[in-house]
Amino acid sequence: MSHRSSVLTLCLCLALATPAAGQKPAGQPTAAELIRTLQGREFTEAVGAADRLGGFASQRAQVVPALIDALRNREWATCSGDVRDAIARSLAQLKAKEAVVPLLELVKSGKPLDHECVE
């Protein structure tokens, strides 16, 4: 086998093994799916989504505004403080300086920002 055909074979194997850009690995939600989950009323799902969104630095332009919007405007069926805590942690992970003012507003509002339900 020539060097060129070896390289082509390796590239083909890598292309088949690696999801194409825009595709997600099986079982891994996209940032858009997590944002939709965060916008729901179920707190356990929202906490999980908020936690995971901090890992989407490559989609920061989409994720940070959604997290800030949820922080400012969303309420969950129960345990909203837990969701807000997870949102704040993800914003910190994303180094979202634009979240400083919304976080300060939240603290001033008196809404819970700490764990109410999850241990």
N, C-alpha and C. Protein backbone atom coordinates (compact mmCIF):
# COMPACT_ATOMS: atom_id res chain seq x y z
N MET A 1 0.86 -1.17 0.00
CA MET A 1 0.00 0.00 0.00
C MET A 1 0.91 1.23 0.00
N SER A 2 0.63 2.18 -0.89
CA SER A 2 1.44 3.38 -0.99
C SER A 2 1.15 4.31 0.19
N HIS A 3 2.05 5.26 0.37
CA HIS A 3 1.89 6.24 1.46
C HIS A 3 0.60 7.05 1.26
N ARG A 4 0.32 7.42 0.01
CA ARG A 4 -0.88 8.21 -0.27
C ARG A 4 -2.15 7.43 0.05
N SER A 5 -2.22 6.16 -0.32
CA SER A 5 -3.42 5.39 -0.03
C SER A 5 -3.55 5.11 1.46
N SER A 6 -2.44 5.01 2.17
CA SER A 6 -2.49 4.84 3.63
C SER A 6 -3.08 6.08 4.29
N VAL A 7 -2.66 7.25 3.81
CA VAL A 7 -3.16 8.50 4.36
C VAL A 7 -4.66 8.64 4.05
N LEU A 8 -5.06 8.31 2.83
CA LEU A 8 -6.48 8.38 2.47
C LEU A 8 -7.32 7.42 3.31
N THR A 9 -6.81 6.23 3.55
CA THR A 9 -7.52 5.25 4.38
C THR A 9 -7.67 5.77 5.80
N LEU A 10 -6.59 6.36 6.35
CA LEU A 10 -6.63 6.91 7.70
C LEU A 10 -7.65 8.05 7.78
N CYS A 11 -7.65 8.93 6.77
CA CYS A 11 -8.61 10.04 6.76
C CYS A 11 -10.04 9.53 6.70
N LEU A 12 -10.28 8.52 5.90
CA LEU A 12 -11.62 7.95 5.79
C LEU A 12 -12.06 7.34 7.12
N CYS A 13 -11.15 6.63 7.78
CA CYS A 13 -11.48 6.04 9.09
C CYS A 13 -11.81 7.11 10.11
N LEU A 14 -11.01 8.19 10.13
CA LEU A 14 -11.27 9.28 11.06
C LEU A 14 -12.59 9.97 10.76
N ALA A 15 -12.89 10.15 9.48
CA ALA A 15 -14.14 10.80 9.10
C ALA A 15 -15.35 9.96 9.52
N LEU A 16 -15.23 8.67 9.43
CA LEU A 16 -16.34 7.80 9.83
C LEU A 16 -16.48 7.72 11.34
N ALA A 17 -15.37 7.83 12.05
CA ALA A 17 -15.40 7.69 13.50
C ALA A 17 -15.75 8.99 14.21
N THR A 18 -15.53 10.14 13.56
CA THR A 18 -15.75 11.44 14.17
C THR A 18 -16.99 12.07 13.59
N PRO A 19 -17.92 12.57 14.43
CA PRO A 19 -19.10 13.23 13.89
C PRO A 19 -18.71 14.47 13.11
N ALA A 20 -19.42 14.74 12.04
CA ALA A 20 -19.16 15.93 11.24
C ALA A 20 -19.52 17.16 12.05
N ALA A 21 -18.97 18.30 11.64
CA ALA A 21 -19.28 19.55 12.32
C ALA A 21 -20.79 19.76 12.29
N GLY A 22 -21.34 20.15 13.42
CA GLY A 22 -22.78 20.36 13.50
C GLY A 22 -23.53 19.13 13.95
N GLN A 23 -22.88 17.96 13.88
CA GLN A 23 -23.52 16.75 14.38
C GLN A 23 -23.06 16.54 15.81
N LYS A 24 -23.90 15.92 16.58
CA LYS A 24 -23.55 15.65 17.97
C LYS A 24 -23.30 14.17 18.14
N PRO A 25 -22.40 13.82 19.07
CA PRO A 25 -22.23 12.41 19.38
C PRO A 25 -23.53 11.85 19.94
N ALA A 26 -23.77 10.59 19.72
CA ALA A 26 -24.99 9.95 20.21
C ALA A 26 -25.12 10.15 21.71
N GLY A 27 -26.30 10.55 22.14
CA GLY A 27 -26.56 10.71 23.57
C GLY A 27 -26.12 12.04 24.15
N GLN A 28 -25.50 12.89 23.36
CA GLN A 28 -25.03 14.19 23.86
C GLN A 28 -25.95 15.29 23.34
N PRO A 29 -26.63 16.02 24.23
CA PRO A 29 -27.51 17.08 23.77
C PRO A 29 -26.72 18.27 23.22
N THR A 30 -27.31 18.98 22.30
CA THR A 30 -26.69 20.19 21.75
C THR A 30 -26.96 21.35 22.71
N ALA A 31 -26.27 22.45 22.48
CA ALA A 31 -26.50 23.65 23.28
C ALA A 31 -27.95 24.11 23.12
N ALA A 32 -28.47 24.07 21.90
CA ALA A 32 -29.86 24.50 21.66
C ALA A 32 -30.85 23.62 22.43
N GLU A 33 -30.60 22.33 22.48
CA GLU A 33 -31.48 21.42 23.22
C GLU A 33 -31.41 21.72 24.72
N LEU A 34 -30.22 21.98 25.22
CA LEU A 34 -30.06 22.30 26.64
C LEU A 34 -30.73 23.63 26.99
N ILE A 35 -30.63 24.59 26.09
CA ILE A 35 -31.29 25.88 26.32
C ILE A 35 -32.79 25.70 26.39
N ARG A 36 -33.36 24.89 25.50
CA ARG A 36 -34.81 24.61 25.56
C ARG A 36 -35.17 23.94 26.88
N THR A 37 -34.34 23.03 27.34
CA THR A 37 -34.59 22.35 28.62
C THR A 37 -34.53 23.34 29.77
N LEU A 38 -33.58 24.24 29.72
CA LEU A 38 -33.44 25.26 30.76
C LEU A 38 -34.68 26.15 30.82
N GLN A 39 -35.33 26.37 29.71
CA GLN A 39 -36.51 27.22 29.65
C GLN A 39 -37.77 26.52 30.14
N GLY A 40 -37.70 25.23 30.38
CA GLY A 40 -38.85 24.49 30.90
C GLY A 40 -39.08 24.76 32.37
N ARG A 41 -40.16 24.24 32.91
CA ARG A 41 -40.51 24.48 34.32
C ARG A 41 -39.94 23.44 35.28
N GLU A 42 -39.49 22.30 34.78
CA GLU A 42 -39.00 21.22 35.63
C GLU A 42 -37.59 21.53 36.11
N PHE A 43 -37.43 21.71 37.44
CA PHE A 43 -36.15 22.17 37.96
C PHE A 43 -35.02 21.16 37.82
N THR A 44 -35.31 19.86 37.99
CA THR A 44 -34.20 18.89 37.91
C THR A 44 -33.59 18.89 36.52
N GLU A 45 -34.41 18.97 35.50
CA GLU A 45 -33.90 19.02 34.13
C GLU A 45 -33.19 20.35 33.87
N ALA A 46 -33.75 21.44 34.41
CA ALA A 46 -33.16 22.76 34.21
C ALA A 46 -31.79 22.86 34.89
N VAL A 47 -31.66 22.29 36.09
CA VAL A 47 -30.36 22.29 36.78
C VAL A 47 -29.33 21.55 35.95
N GLY A 48 -29.69 20.39 35.44
CA GLY A 48 -28.77 19.61 34.62
C GLY A 48 -28.37 20.37 33.36
N ALA A 49 -29.33 21.01 32.72
CA ALA A 49 -29.03 21.78 31.52
C ALA A 49 -28.12 22.96 31.84
N ALA A 50 -28.43 23.67 32.91
CA ALA A 50 -27.60 24.82 33.30
C ALA A 50 -26.17 24.38 33.61
N ASP A 51 -26.02 23.26 34.30
CA ASP A 51 -24.68 22.74 34.61
C ASP A 51 -23.90 22.44 33.33
N ARG A 52 -24.53 21.81 32.39
CA ARG A 52 -23.85 21.37 31.17
C ARG A 52 -23.55 22.52 30.20
N LEU A 53 -24.36 23.56 30.24
CA LEU A 53 -24.16 24.67 29.31
C LEU A 53 -22.82 25.38 29.53
N GLY A 54 -22.28 25.30 30.72
CA GLY A 54 -20.97 25.90 30.97
C GLY A 54 -19.86 25.27 30.16
N GLY A 55 -20.08 24.09 29.64
CA GLY A 55 -19.09 23.41 28.83
C GLY A 55 -19.17 23.72 27.34
N PHE A 56 -20.02 24.66 26.96
CA PHE A 56 -20.19 24.98 25.55
C PHE A 56 -19.52 26.31 25.21
N ALA A 57 -18.25 26.44 25.54
CA ALA A 57 -17.52 27.68 25.28
C ALA A 57 -17.47 28.00 23.79
N SER A 58 -17.47 27.00 22.95
CA SER A 58 -17.42 27.24 21.51
C SER A 58 -18.72 27.87 21.00
N GLN A 59 -19.79 27.78 21.78
CA GLN A 59 -21.08 28.36 21.40
C GLN A 59 -21.48 29.45 22.38
N ARG A 60 -20.47 30.10 22.94
CA ARG A 60 -20.65 31.12 23.96
C ARG A 60 -21.65 32.21 23.55
N ALA A 61 -21.60 32.64 22.29
CA ALA A 61 -22.48 33.72 21.81
C ALA A 61 -23.95 33.34 21.92
N GLN A 62 -24.26 32.08 21.87
CA GLN A 62 -25.64 31.60 21.99
C GLN A 62 -25.96 31.27 23.45
N VAL A 63 -25.01 30.69 24.15
CA VAL A 63 -25.25 30.16 25.49
C VAL A 63 -25.35 31.25 26.55
N VAL A 64 -24.41 32.20 26.55
CA VAL A 64 -24.39 33.22 27.61
C VAL A 64 -25.68 34.04 27.63
N PRO A 65 -26.16 34.57 26.49
CA PRO A 65 -27.43 35.31 26.55
C PRO A 65 -28.60 34.47 27.05
N ALA A 66 -28.62 33.19 26.69
CA ALA A 66 -29.71 32.31 27.15
C ALA A 66 -29.63 32.10 28.65
N LEU A 67 -28.43 31.94 29.18
CA LEU A 67 -28.26 31.78 30.63
C LEU A 67 -28.67 33.05 31.36
N ILE A 68 -28.25 34.20 30.84
CA ILE A 68 -28.61 35.47 31.48
C ILE A 68 -30.12 35.69 31.43
N ASP A 69 -30.73 35.39 30.30
CA ASP A 69 -32.18 35.52 30.18
C ASP A 69 -32.90 34.64 31.20
N ALA A 70 -32.45 33.41 31.34
CA ALA A 70 -33.06 32.50 32.31
C ALA A 70 -32.87 33.02 33.73
N LEU A 71 -31.70 33.54 34.00
CA LEU A 71 -31.40 34.08 35.33
C LEU A 71 -32.34 35.23 35.67
N ARG A 72 -32.60 36.09 34.70
CA ARG A 72 -33.43 37.27 34.92
C ARG A 72 -34.93 36.97 34.88
N ASN A 73 -35.35 36.08 34.01
CA ASN A 73 -36.78 36.00 33.68
C ASN A 73 -37.47 34.68 33.98
N ARG A 74 -36.77 33.66 34.37
CA ARG A 74 -37.39 32.35 34.52
C ARG A 74 -37.64 32.03 35.99
N GLU A 75 -38.67 31.27 36.20
CA GLU A 75 -38.96 30.65 37.48
C GLU A 75 -39.25 29.19 37.18
N TRP A 76 -38.89 28.32 38.09
CA TRP A 76 -39.12 26.90 37.91
C TRP A 76 -40.14 26.44 38.93
N ALA A 77 -40.73 25.29 38.70
CA ALA A 77 -41.82 24.79 39.54
C ALA A 77 -41.40 24.78 41.01
N THR A 78 -40.20 24.35 41.28
CA THR A 78 -39.64 24.35 42.64
C THR A 78 -38.14 24.59 42.52
N CYS A 79 -37.52 24.90 43.62
CA CYS A 79 -36.05 24.93 43.73
C CYS A 79 -35.39 25.88 42.73
N SER A 80 -35.98 27.03 42.51
CA SER A 80 -35.40 27.98 41.56
C SER A 80 -34.00 28.42 41.97
N GLY A 81 -33.74 28.46 43.26
CA GLY A 81 -32.40 28.83 43.73
C GLY A 81 -31.33 27.88 43.23
N ASP A 82 -31.66 26.60 43.17
CA ASP A 82 -30.71 25.60 42.66
C ASP A 82 -30.39 25.85 41.19
N VAL A 83 -31.42 26.19 40.42
CA VAL A 83 -31.21 26.45 38.99
C VAL A 83 -30.38 27.72 38.83
N ARG A 84 -30.70 28.76 39.58
CA ARG A 84 -29.92 30.00 39.49
C ARG A 84 -28.47 29.77 39.90
N ASP A 85 -28.25 28.95 40.90
CA ASP A 85 -26.88 28.62 41.32
C ASP A 85 -26.14 27.93 40.17
N ALA A 86 -26.77 26.98 39.52
CA ALA A 86 -26.13 26.27 38.40
C ALA A 86 -25.87 27.23 37.24
N ILE A 87 -26.80 28.14 36.99
CA ILE A 87 -26.60 29.14 35.94
C ILE A 87 -25.39 30.02 36.27
N ALA A 88 -25.32 30.49 37.51
CA ALA A 88 -24.21 31.35 37.92
C ALA A 88 -22.87 30.62 37.76
N ARG A 89 -22.83 29.35 38.11
CA ARG A 89 -21.60 28.57 37.98
C ARG A 89 -21.20 28.41 36.51
N SER A 90 -22.17 28.18 35.64
CA SER A 90 -21.87 28.06 34.22
C SER A 90 -21.40 29.38 33.64
N LEU A 91 -22.02 30.48 34.06
CA LEU A 91 -21.57 31.79 33.61
C LEU A 91 -20.13 32.06 34.05
N ALA A 92 -19.79 31.64 35.25
CA ALA A 92 -18.41 31.79 35.72
C ALA A 92 -17.46 30.92 34.89
N GLN A 93 -17.88 29.69 34.60
CA GLN A 93 -17.07 28.79 33.80
C GLN A 93 -16.81 29.39 32.41
N LEU A 94 -17.80 30.09 31.88
CA LEU A 94 -17.68 30.72 30.56
C LEU A 94 -17.01 32.10 30.64
N LYS A 95 -16.63 32.51 31.85
CA LYS A 95 -16.01 33.82 32.08
C LYS A 95 -16.85 34.95 31.48
N ALA A 96 -18.13 34.90 31.75
CA ALA A 96 -19.10 35.84 31.17
C ALA A 96 -19.15 37.13 31.99
N LYS A 97 -18.29 38.06 31.65
CA LYS A 97 -18.26 39.34 32.35
C LYS A 97 -19.58 40.09 32.21
N GLU A 98 -20.27 39.86 31.10
CA GLU A 98 -21.54 40.53 30.87
C GLU A 98 -22.63 40.06 31.83
N ALA A 99 -22.34 39.04 32.61
CA ALA A 99 -23.31 38.53 33.58
C ALA A 99 -23.18 39.18 34.95
N VAL A 100 -22.17 40.02 35.14
CA VAL A 100 -21.95 40.63 36.46
C VAL A 100 -23.16 41.45 36.88
N VAL A 101 -23.64 42.33 36.02
CA VAL A 101 -24.77 43.19 36.38
C VAL A 101 -26.02 42.37 36.64
N PRO A 102 -26.38 41.42 35.76
CA PRO A 102 -27.57 40.60 36.07
C PRO A 102 -27.43 39.82 37.38
N LEU A 103 -26.24 39.34 37.69
CA LEU A 103 -26.04 38.63 38.96
C LEU A 103 -26.20 39.57 40.15
N LEU A 104 -25.66 40.77 40.04
CA LEU A 104 -25.83 41.75 41.12
C LEU A 104 -27.30 42.13 41.29
N GLU A 105 -28.01 42.29 40.17
CA GLU A 105 -29.45 42.59 40.24
C GLU A 105 -30.19 41.46 40.94
N LEU A 106 -29.79 40.23 40.66
CA LEU A 106 -30.43 39.08 41.28
C LEU A 106 -30.20 39.08 42.79
N VAL A 107 -28.97 39.36 43.20
CA VAL A 107 -28.67 39.42 44.63
C VAL A 107 -29.50 40.51 45.30
N LYS A 108 -29.58 41.67 44.67
CA LYS A 108 -30.36 42.78 45.23
C LYS A 108 -31.85 42.47 45.29
N SER A 109 -32.34 41.64 44.37
CA SER A 109 -33.77 41.32 44.33
C SER A 109 -34.23 40.48 45.50
N GLY A 110 -33.32 39.78 46.13
CA GLY A 110 -33.68 38.91 47.24
C GLY A 110 -34.13 37.52 46.83
N LYS A 111 -34.18 37.25 45.51
CA LYS A 111 -34.52 35.91 45.06
C LYS A 111 -33.41 34.95 45.49
N PRO A 112 -33.78 33.73 45.83
CA PRO A 112 -32.75 32.78 46.26
C PRO A 112 -31.77 32.45 45.12
N LEU A 113 -30.50 32.38 45.51
CA LEU A 113 -29.45 32.06 44.56
C LEU A 113 -28.63 30.88 45.06
N ASP A 114 -29.08 30.27 46.12
CA ASP A 114 -28.33 29.14 46.66
C ASP A 114 -29.21 27.90 46.65
N HIS A 115 -28.61 26.82 47.09
CA HIS A 115 -29.33 25.52 47.07
C HIS A 115 -30.53 25.55 48.01
N GLU A 116 -31.65 25.16 47.43
CA GLU A 116 -32.88 25.02 48.22
C GLU A 116 -33.25 23.54 48.34
N CYS A 117 -32.93 22.78 47.31
CA CYS A 117 -33.41 21.40 47.25
C CYS A 117 -32.31 20.37 47.04
N VAL A 118 -31.39 20.61 46.12
CA VAL A 118 -30.40 19.61 45.73
C VAL A 118 -29.26 19.61 46.72
N GLU A 119 -28.82 18.45 47.07
CA GLU A 119 -27.67 18.31 47.97
C GLU A 119 -26.48 17.81 47.22
